[in-house]
Amino acid sequence: MSKTILITGATDGIGLETAKKLAAEGHTLLLHGRNPQKLAAVAEEMGGDPETYVADLADFGAVETLAESVVAKHDRLDILINNAGVLKLADPITASGLDARFVVNTLAPYLLTRRLLPLMDGSGRVVNLSSAAQAPVDLDALAGKRRLSDMDAYSQSKLAITMWSQAMAAANPDGPAIIAVNPGSLLASKMVKEGFGVAGNDLGIGADILVRAALSDDFAEASGQYFDNDSGRFANPHSDALDPRKVDALMRAMEAVLKETTA
């Protein structure tokens, strides 16, 4: 049965490869990108007339507008794949004074998911892009009060999305299923090439697991879990994600940042 699927960051890397695979299966795709020309070119190449949504996820106002646009066109969303992510940036500080790695990789997908949850029922799924790179979250850095190196910000942001995936899953026991996925280490994305200077492994490795996470029965009862595609199984994330006090502290810090910057 055809699903309605929103993919963020669908113009490059794993997001693009995932979109191509889902389009080939006949699903209704809602493609997000930051660059309108690139997004239009991807939609034309893909065929099937996918919907396109332009938004800079480093801007919470743009995230709100993206959500409003989807809600205006759809009364149901089956799957949300929060794929968009950033690592190395010439200037990582956003207009609101936050680190763009935390904004794009953690806070924007949280805000977008919250806004779109009313469109999703118990059979829906939210697939969040995590990573094998996970490090304890500096809440001051999350709030823009401390600067971090590229890799520190990235790895902390990826643990943070894994932690809020668990918390949101627990808060929505009747669904949708909310699952954090490490799609595989050092895949051949633009981000990996720029960040690590290596060609990387086949992007299909990551796209295949995102398609599985979105559609396979293997993930239907996996809400709140973390799938590590390097080991090919559900696994424990960083130990901080298993500490309820640290998860709660992160959630409160995220809500405080959003309240201050989206008021």
C-alpha atoms as a PDB file:
ATOM      1  CA  MET A   1       0.000   0.000   0.000  1.00  0.00           C
ATOM      2  CA  SER A   2       1.314   3.433  -0.946  1.00  0.00           C
ATOM      3  CA  LYS A   3       2.524   5.594   1.954  1.00  0.00           C
ATOM      4  CA  THR A   4       2.840   9.354   2.246  1.00  0.00           C
ATOM      5  CA  ILE A   5       6.442  10.018   3.266  1.00  0.00           C
ATOM      6  CA  LEU A   6       8.283  13.245   4.110  1.00  0.00           C
ATOM      7  CA  ILE A   7      12.072  13.131   3.828  1.00  0.00           C
ATOM      8  CA  THR A   8      14.197  16.044   5.002  1.00  0.00           C
ATOM      9  CA  GLY A   9      17.529  16.639   3.309  1.00  0.00           C
ATOM     10  CA  ALA A  10      16.364  14.802   0.193  1.00  0.00           C
ATOM     11  CA  THR A  11      18.643  16.517  -2.321  1.00  0.00           C
ATOM     12  CA  ASP A  12      21.922  14.817  -1.349  1.00  0.00           C
ATOM     13  CA  GLY A  13      23.459  11.717   0.070  1.00  0.00           C
ATOM     14  CA  ILE A  14      21.444   9.134   1.961  1.00  0.00           C
ATOM     15  CA  GLY A  15      18.279  11.228   1.790  1.00  0.00           C
ATOM     16  CA  LEU A  16      18.385  11.350  -1.999  1.00  0.00           C
ATOM     17  CA  GLU A  17      19.145   7.649  -2.353  1.00  0.00           C
ATOM     18  CA  THR A  18      16.341   6.811   0.079  1.00  0.00           C
ATOM     19  CA  ALA A  19      13.914   9.008  -1.853  1.00  0.00           C
ATOM     20  CA  LYS A  20      14.810   7.267  -5.110  1.00  0.00           C
ATOM     21  CA  LYS A  21      14.190   3.845  -3.604  1.00  0.00           C
ATOM     22  CA  LEU A  22      10.852   4.871  -2.107  1.00  0.00           C
ATOM     23  CA  ALA A  23       9.768   6.568  -5.333  1.00  0.00           C
ATOM     24  CA  ALA A  24      10.527   3.374  -7.253  1.00  0.00           C
ATOM     25  CA  GLU A  25       8.131   1.547  -4.914  1.00  0.00           C
ATOM     26  CA  GLY A  26       5.336   3.986  -5.784  1.00  0.00           C
ATOM     27  CA  HIS A  27       5.054   5.915  -2.531  1.00  0.00           C
ATOM     28  CA  THR A  28       3.857   9.523  -2.349  1.00  0.00           C
ATOM     29  CA  LEU A  29       6.941  11.574  -1.562  1.00  0.00           C
ATOM     30  CA  LEU A  30       7.264  14.962   0.085  1.00  0.00           C
ATOM     31  CA  LEU A  31      10.831  16.100  -0.522  1.00  0.00           C
ATOM     32  CA  HIS A  32      12.540  18.771   1.564  1.00  0.00           C
ATOM     33  CA  GLY A  33      15.660  20.675   0.615  1.00  0.00           C
ATOM     34  CA  ARG A  34      17.375  23.966   1.402  1.00  0.00           C
ATOM     35  CA  ASN A  35      18.285  24.924  -2.172  1.00  0.00           C
ATOM     36  CA  PRO A  36      15.228  25.482  -4.401  1.00  0.00           C
ATOM     37  CA  GLN A  37      17.064  24.879  -7.684  1.00  0.00           C
ATOM     38  CA  LYS A  38      18.606  21.669  -6.450  1.00  0.00           C
ATOM     39  CA  LEU A  39      15.290  20.490  -5.050  1.00  0.00           C
ATOM     40  CA  ALA A  40      13.499  21.182  -8.333  1.00  0.00           C
ATOM     41  CA  ALA A  41      16.177  19.295 -10.264  1.00  0.00           C
ATOM     42  CA  VAL A  42      15.899  16.286  -7.957  1.00  0.00           C
ATOM     43  CA  ALA A  43      12.110  16.236  -8.278  1.00  0.00           C
ATOM     44  CA  GLU A  44      12.343  16.393 -12.072  1.00  0.00           C
ATOM     45  CA  GLU A  45      14.933  13.624 -12.181  1.00  0.00           C
ATOM     46  CA  MET A  46      12.846  11.425  -9.903  1.00  0.00           C
ATOM     47  CA  GLY A  47       9.618  11.793 -11.854  1.00  0.00           C
ATOM     48  CA  GLY A  48       6.210  10.990 -10.447  1.00  0.00           C
ATOM     49  CA  ASP A  49       5.627  14.638  -9.510  1.00  0.00           C
ATOM     50  CA  PRO A  50       6.796  14.578  -5.866  1.00  0.00           C
ATOM     51  CA  GLU A  51       5.862  17.523  -3.686  1.00  0.00           C
ATOM     52  CA  THR A  52       8.769  19.788  -2.793  1.00  0.00           C
ATOM     53  CA  TYR A  53       9.287  21.955   0.280  1.00  0.00           C
ATOM     54  CA  VAL A  54      12.084  24.498   0.603  1.00  0.00           C
ATOM     55  CA  ALA A  55      13.258  25.347   4.118  1.00  0.00           C
ATOM     56  CA  ASP A  56      16.480  26.218   5.918  1.00  0.00           C
ATOM     57  CA  LEU A  57      16.331  23.985   8.977  1.00  0.00           C
ATOM     58  CA  ALA A  58      18.795  26.250  10.779  1.00  0.00           C
ATOM     59  CA  ASP A  59      15.888  28.717  11.039  1.00  0.00           C
ATOM     60  CA  PHE A  60      13.098  27.694  13.426  1.00  0.00           C
ATOM     61  CA  GLY A  61      10.675  30.005  11.630  1.00  0.00           C
ATOM     62  CA  ALA A  62      11.335  28.106   8.409  1.00  0.00           C
ATOM     63  CA  VAL A  63      10.752  24.821  10.236  1.00  0.00           C
ATOM     64  CA  GLU A  64       7.388  26.096  11.470  1.00  0.00           C
ATOM     65  CA  THR A  65       6.470  27.190   7.943  1.00  0.00           C
ATOM     66  CA  LEU A  66       7.489  23.802   6.557  1.00  0.00           C
ATOM     67  CA  ALA A  67       5.232  22.048   9.053  1.00  0.00           C
ATOM     68  CA  GLU A  68       2.354  24.427   8.319  1.00  0.00           C
ATOM     69  CA  SER A  69       2.725  23.821   4.585  1.00  0.00           C
ATOM     70  CA  VAL A  70       2.555  20.053   5.020  1.00  0.00           C
ATOM     71  CA  VAL A  71      -0.448  20.311   7.341  1.00  0.00           C
ATOM     72  CA  ALA A  72      -2.212  22.577   4.850  1.00  0.00           C
ATOM     73  CA  LYS A  73      -1.900  19.975   2.077  1.00  0.00           C
ATOM     74  CA  HIS A  74      -2.310  16.722   3.990  1.00  0.00           C
ATOM     75  CA  ASP A  75      -4.584  15.309   6.651  1.00  0.00           C
ATOM     76  CA  ARG A  76      -2.383  12.239   7.010  1.00  0.00           C
ATOM     77  CA  LEU A  77       1.352  11.573   7.058  1.00  0.00           C
ATOM     78  CA  ASP A  78       2.482   7.965   7.292  1.00  0.00           C
ATOM     79  CA  ILE A  79       6.240   8.375   7.650  1.00  0.00           C
ATOM     80  CA  LEU A  80       8.616  11.175   8.560  1.00  0.00           C
ATOM     81  CA  ILE A  81      12.320  10.593   7.896  1.00  0.00           C
ATOM     82  CA  ASN A  82      14.387  13.245   9.689  1.00  0.00           C
ATOM     83  CA  ASN A  83      17.480  12.787   7.548  1.00  0.00           C
ATOM     84  CA  ALA A  84      18.884  16.318   7.117  1.00  0.00           C
ATOM     85  CA  GLY A  85      22.130  16.909   8.960  1.00  0.00           C
ATOM     86  CA  VAL A  86      25.267  19.035   9.016  1.00  0.00           C
ATOM     87  CA  LEU A  87      28.804  18.543  10.315  1.00  0.00           C
ATOM     88  CA  LYS A  88      31.409  20.980   9.024  1.00  0.00           C
ATOM     89  CA  LEU A  89      30.384  24.588   8.431  1.00  0.00           C
ATOM     90  CA  ALA A  90      32.387  27.741   7.715  1.00  0.00           C
ATOM     91  CA  ASP A  91      30.238  29.603  10.241  1.00  0.00           C
ATOM     92  CA  PRO A  92      28.277  27.240  12.479  1.00  0.00           C
ATOM     93  CA  ILE A  93      26.545  29.949  14.528  1.00  0.00           C
ATOM     94  CA  THR A  94      22.971  30.704  13.492  1.00  0.00           C
ATOM     95  CA  ALA A  95      21.214  34.079  13.545  1.00  0.00           C
ATOM     96  CA  SER A  96      19.748  33.117  16.921  1.00  0.00           C
ATOM     97  CA  GLY A  97      23.227  32.448  18.356  1.00  0.00           C
ATOM     98  CA  LEU A  98      22.957  28.666  18.417  1.00  0.00           C
ATOM     99  CA  ASP A  99      25.264  26.027  16.957  1.00  0.00           C
ATOM    100  CA  ALA A 100      23.770  24.921  13.637  1.00  0.00           C
ATOM    101  CA  ARG A 101      24.731  21.304  14.331  1.00  0.00           C
ATOM    102  CA  PHE A 102      22.406  21.249  17.317  1.00  0.00           C
ATOM    103  CA  VAL A 103      19.743  23.211  15.445  1.00  0.00           C
ATOM    104  CA  VAL A 104      19.666  21.159  12.220  1.00  0.00           C
ATOM    105  CA  ASN A 105      20.549  17.750  13.665  1.00  0.00           C
ATOM    106  CA  THR A 106      18.565  17.862  16.910  1.00  0.00           C
ATOM    107  CA  LEU A 107      16.203  20.767  17.519  1.00  0.00           C
ATOM    108  CA  ALA A 108      14.689  21.276  14.053  1.00  0.00           C
ATOM    109  CA  PRO A 109      13.679  17.617  13.654  1.00  0.00           C
ATOM    110  CA  TYR A 110      12.228  17.680  17.172  1.00  0.00           C
ATOM    111  CA  LEU A 111      10.167  20.774  16.390  1.00  0.00           C
ATOM    112  CA  LEU A 112       9.082  19.423  13.001  1.00  0.00           C
ATOM    113  CA  THR A 113       8.079  16.069  14.479  1.00  0.00           C
ATOM    114  CA  ARG A 114       6.061  17.728  17.227  1.00  0.00           C
ATOM    115  CA  ARG A 115       4.179  19.822  14.691  1.00  0.00           C
ATOM    116  CA  LEU A 116       3.445  16.878  12.395  1.00  0.00           C
ATOM    117  CA  LEU A 117       2.456  14.299  15.021  1.00  0.00           C
ATOM    118  CA  PRO A 118      -1.263  15.205  14.708  1.00  0.00           C
ATOM    119  CA  LEU A 119      -1.128  13.918  11.118  1.00  0.00           C
ATOM    120  CA  MET A 120       0.259  10.538  12.200  1.00  0.00           C
ATOM    121  CA  ASP A 121      -1.598   7.612  13.703  1.00  0.00           C
ATOM    122  CA  GLY A 122      -0.445   4.516  15.547  1.00  0.00           C
ATOM    123  CA  SER A 123       0.761   2.837  12.373  1.00  0.00           C
ATOM    124  CA  GLY A 124       3.010   5.772  11.440  1.00  0.00           C
ATOM    125  CA  ARG A 125       6.753   5.989  11.881  1.00  0.00           C
ATOM    126  CA  VAL A 126       9.308   8.677  12.588  1.00  0.00           C
ATOM    127  CA  VAL A 127      12.814   7.640  11.551  1.00  0.00           C
ATOM    128  CA  ASN A 128      15.532   9.828  13.054  1.00  0.00           C
ATOM    129  CA  LEU A 129      19.083   9.848  11.713  1.00  0.00           C
ATOM    130  CA  SER A 130      21.494   9.114  14.513  1.00  0.00           C
ATOM    131  CA  SER A 131      25.132   8.098  14.178  1.00  0.00           C
ATOM    132  CA  ALA A 132      27.777   5.825  15.650  1.00  0.00           C
ATOM    133  CA  ALA A 133      29.387   9.105  16.736  1.00  0.00           C
ATOM    134  CA  GLN A 134      27.654   9.915  20.033  1.00  0.00           C
ATOM    135  CA  ALA A 135      29.041  11.980  22.901  1.00  0.00           C
ATOM    136  CA  PRO A 136      27.633  13.384  26.181  1.00  0.00           C
ATOM    137  CA  VAL A 137      25.598  16.514  25.529  1.00  0.00           C
ATOM    138  CA  ASP A 138      26.918  19.812  26.888  1.00  0.00           C
ATOM    139  CA  LEU A 139      23.665  21.602  27.683  1.00  0.00           C
ATOM    140  CA  ASP A 140      25.404  24.982  27.661  1.00  0.00           C
ATOM    141  CA  ALA A 141      26.620  24.294  24.129  1.00  0.00           C
ATOM    142  CA  LEU A 142      23.104  23.250  23.136  1.00  0.00           C
ATOM    143  CA  ALA A 143      21.881  26.621  24.420  1.00  0.00           C
ATOM    144  CA  GLY A 144      24.560  28.529  22.501  1.00  0.00           C
ATOM    145  CA  LYS A 145      26.578  29.461  25.574  1.00  0.00           C
ATOM    146  CA  ARG A 146      29.694  27.490  24.636  1.00  0.00           C
ATOM    147  CA  ARG A 147      31.417  26.824  21.309  1.00  0.00           C
ATOM    148  CA  LEU A 148      32.394  23.316  20.266  1.00  0.00           C
ATOM    149  CA  SER A 149      34.565  21.798  17.571  1.00  0.00           C
ATOM    150  CA  ASP A 150      32.844  20.390  14.493  1.00  0.00           C
ATOM    151  CA  MET A 151      33.041  16.770  15.604  1.00  0.00           C
ATOM    152  CA  ASP A 152      32.120  17.466  19.212  1.00  0.00           C
ATOM    153  CA  ALA A 153      29.024  19.392  18.143  1.00  0.00           C
ATOM    154  CA  TYR A 154      28.060  16.723  15.623  1.00  0.00           C
ATOM    155  CA  SER A 155      28.484  13.752  17.959  1.00  0.00           C
ATOM    156  CA  GLN A 156      26.627  15.513  20.769  1.00  0.00           C
ATOM    157  CA  SER A 157      23.795  16.465  18.440  1.00  0.00           C
ATOM    158  CA  LYS A 158      23.449  12.851  17.329  1.00  0.00           C
ATOM    159  CA  LEU A 159      23.262  11.549  20.880  1.00  0.00           C
ATOM    160  CA  ALA A 160      20.691  14.267  21.576  1.00  0.00           C
ATOM    161  CA  ILE A 161      18.398  13.166  18.717  1.00  0.00           C
ATOM    162  CA  THR A 162      18.718   9.589  19.936  1.00  0.00           C
ATOM    163  CA  MET A 163      17.731  10.672  23.441  1.00  0.00           C
ATOM    164  CA  TRP A 164      14.708  12.689  22.369  1.00  0.00           C
ATOM    165  CA  SER A 165      13.591   9.844  20.129  1.00  0.00           C
ATOM    166  CA  GLN A 166      13.331   7.688  23.240  1.00  0.00           C
ATOM    167  CA  ALA A 167      11.584  10.381  25.254  1.00  0.00           C
ATOM    168  CA  MET A 168       9.041  11.164  22.547  1.00  0.00           C
ATOM    169  CA  ALA A 169       8.376   7.465  21.987  1.00  0.00           C
ATOM    170  CA  ALA A 170       7.671   7.033  25.707  1.00  0.00           C
ATOM    171  CA  ALA A 171       5.337  10.042  25.644  1.00  0.00           C
ATOM    172  CA  ASN A 172       3.392   8.566  22.697  1.00  0.00           C
ATOM    173  CA  PRO A 173       2.892   4.891  23.609  1.00  0.00           C
ATOM    174  CA  ASP A 174       0.096   4.475  21.043  1.00  0.00           C
ATOM    175  CA  GLY A 175       2.362   5.580  18.222  1.00  0.00           C
ATOM    176  CA  PRO A 176       3.667   6.559  15.836  1.00  0.00           C
ATOM    177  CA  ALA A 177       6.794   4.463  16.271  1.00  0.00           C
ATOM    178  CA  ILE A 178       9.791   6.737  16.784  1.00  0.00           C
ATOM    179  CA  ILE A 179      13.109   5.090  15.984  1.00  0.00           C
ATOM    180  CA  ALA A 180      16.692   6.364  15.931  1.00  0.00           C
ATOM    181  CA  VAL A 181      18.926   4.787  13.288  1.00  0.00           C
ATOM    182  CA  ASN A 182      22.660   4.870  12.691  1.00  0.00           C
ATOM    183  CA  PRO A 183      22.576   4.315   8.903  1.00  0.00           C
ATOM    184  CA  GLY A 184      26.211   3.225   8.782  1.00  0.00           C
ATOM    185  CA  SER A 185      29.570   4.814   9.411  1.00  0.00           C
ATOM    186  CA  LEU A 186      31.462   6.836   6.807  1.00  0.00           C
ATOM    187  CA  LEU A 187      29.047   6.431   3.931  1.00  0.00           C
ATOM    188  CA  ALA A 188      29.810   8.303   0.700  1.00  0.00           C
ATOM    189  CA  SER A 189      27.834  11.462   1.443  1.00  0.00           C
ATOM    190  CA  LYS A 190      28.911  15.032   0.804  1.00  0.00           C
ATOM    191  CA  MET A 191      29.080  15.533   4.571  1.00  0.00           C
ATOM    192  CA  VAL A 192      31.514  12.634   5.020  1.00  0.00           C
ATOM    193  CA  LYS A 193      33.708  13.771   2.118  1.00  0.00           C
ATOM    194  CA  GLU A 194      33.905  17.333   3.464  1.00  0.00           C
ATOM    195  CA  GLY A 195      34.231  16.333   7.105  1.00  0.00           C
ATOM    196  CA  PHE A 196      36.629  13.417   6.879  1.00  0.00           C
ATOM    197  CA  GLY A 197      38.230  13.700   3.443  1.00  0.00           C
ATOM    198  CA  VAL A 198      37.373  10.128   2.463  1.00  0.00           C
ATOM    199  CA  ALA A 199      35.281   8.756  -0.384  1.00  0.00           C
ATOM    200  CA  GLY A 200      33.169   6.634   1.965  1.00  0.00           C
ATOM    201  CA  ASN A 201      31.174   3.461   1.568  1.00  0.00           C
ATOM    202  CA  ASP A 202      28.161   2.779  -0.650  1.00  0.00           C
ATOM    203  CA  LEU A 203      25.273   5.141   0.151  1.00  0.00           C
ATOM    204  CA  GLY A 204      22.906   2.280  -0.596  1.00  0.00           C
ATOM    205  CA  ILE A 205      23.852   0.780   2.777  1.00  0.00           C
ATOM    206  CA  GLY A 206      22.243   3.739   4.514  1.00  0.00           C
ATOM    207  CA  ALA A 207      19.322   4.094   2.132  1.00  0.00           C
ATOM    208  CA  ASP A 208      18.407   0.426   2.459  1.00  0.00           C
ATOM    209  CA  ILE A 209      18.186   0.584   6.242  1.00  0.00           C
ATOM    210  CA  LEU A 210      16.126   3.771   6.160  1.00  0.00           C
ATOM    211  CA  VAL A 211      13.652   2.121   3.794  1.00  0.00           C
ATOM    212  CA  ARG A 212      13.498  -0.881   6.120  1.00  0.00           C
ATOM    213  CA  ALA A 213      13.035   1.309   9.183  1.00  0.00           C
ATOM    214  CA  ALA A 214      10.231   3.159   7.443  1.00  0.00           C
ATOM    215  CA  LEU A 215       8.345   0.184   6.009  1.00  0.00           C
ATOM    216  CA  SER A 216       9.461  -3.189   7.346  1.00  0.00           C
ATOM    217  CA  ASP A 217       7.458  -5.123   9.919  1.00  0.00           C
ATOM    218  CA  ASP A 218      10.776  -5.644  11.745  1.00  0.00           C
ATOM    219  CA  PHE A 219      10.519  -2.050  12.974  1.00  0.00           C
ATOM    220  CA  ALA A 220       6.790  -1.899  13.681  1.00  0.00           C
ATOM    221  CA  GLU A 221       7.241  -2.541  17.420  1.00  0.00           C
ATOM    222  CA  ALA A 222      10.592  -0.789  17.770  1.00  0.00           C
ATOM    223  CA  SER A 223       9.453   2.594  19.051  1.00  0.00           C
ATOM    224  CA  GLY A 224      12.063   4.135  21.319  1.00  0.00           C
ATOM    225  CA  GLN A 225      14.801   1.804  20.176  1.00  0.00           C
ATOM    226  CA  TYR A 226      18.129   2.502  18.483  1.00  0.00           C
ATOM    227  CA  PHE A 227      19.202   0.547  15.412  1.00  0.00           C
ATOM    228  CA  ASP A 228      22.930   0.337  14.730  1.00  0.00           C
ATOM    229  CA  ASN A 229      23.462  -0.499  11.067  1.00  0.00           C
ATOM    230  CA  ASP A 230      27.188  -1.028  11.612  1.00  0.00           C
ATOM    231  CA  SER A 231      26.307  -4.138  13.618  1.00  0.00           C
ATOM    232  CA  GLY A 232      23.030  -4.769  11.763  1.00  0.00           C
ATOM    233  CA  ARG A 233      20.891  -4.940  14.896  1.00  0.00           C
ATOM    234  CA  PHE A 234      19.059  -3.032  17.577  1.00  0.00           C
ATOM    235  CA  ALA A 235      21.608  -2.033  20.181  1.00  0.00           C
ATOM    236  CA  ASN A 236      22.169   0.212  23.164  1.00  0.00           C
ATOM    237  CA  PRO A 237      23.092   3.798  22.278  1.00  0.00           C
ATOM    238  CA  HIS A 238      25.548   5.811  24.380  1.00  0.00           C
ATOM    239  CA  SER A 239      25.012   5.157  28.082  1.00  0.00           C
ATOM    240  CA  ASP A 240      23.704   8.708  28.662  1.00  0.00           C
ATOM    241  CA  ALA A 241      20.633   7.781  26.617  1.00  0.00           C
ATOM    242  CA  LEU A 242      19.899   5.066  29.186  1.00  0.00           C
ATOM    243  CA  ASP A 243      19.985   7.508  32.122  1.00  0.00           C
ATOM    244  CA  PRO A 244      16.463   8.917  32.715  1.00  0.00           C
ATOM    245  CA  ARG A 245      17.831  11.934  34.581  1.00  0.00           C
ATOM    246  CA  LYS A 246      20.079  12.927  31.685  1.00  0.00           C
ATOM    247  CA  VAL A 247      17.298  12.389  29.164  1.00  0.00           C
ATOM    248  CA  ASP A 248      14.965  14.532  31.253  1.00  0.00           C
ATOM    249  CA  ALA A 249      17.600  17.265  31.603  1.00  0.00           C
ATOM    250  CA  LEU A 250      18.104  17.293  27.834  1.00  0.00           C
ATOM    251  CA  MET A 251      14.378  17.516  27.157  1.00  0.00           C
ATOM    252  CA  ARG A 252      13.994  20.438  29.541  1.00  0.00           C
ATOM    253  CA  ALA A 253      16.976  22.199  27.973  1.00  0.00           C
ATOM    254  CA  MET A 254      15.590  21.694  24.466  1.00  0.00           C
ATOM    255  CA  GLU A 255      12.193  23.034  25.456  1.00  0.00           C
ATOM    256  CA  ALA A 256      13.856  26.074  27.050  1.00  0.00           C
ATOM    257  CA  VAL A 257      15.849  26.816  23.879  1.00  0.00           C
ATOM    258  CA  LEU A 258      12.748  26.492  21.688  1.00  0.00           C
ATOM    259  CA  LYS A 259      10.656  28.630  24.015  1.00  0.00           C
ATOM    260  CA  GLU A 260      13.284  31.376  23.962  1.00  0.00           C
ATOM    261  CA  THR A 261      13.931  31.318  20.204  1.00  0.00           C
ATOM    262  CA  THR A 262      10.457  30.633  18.792  1.00  0.00           C
ATOM    263  CA  ALA A 263       8.405  32.926  21.045  1.00  0.00           C
END
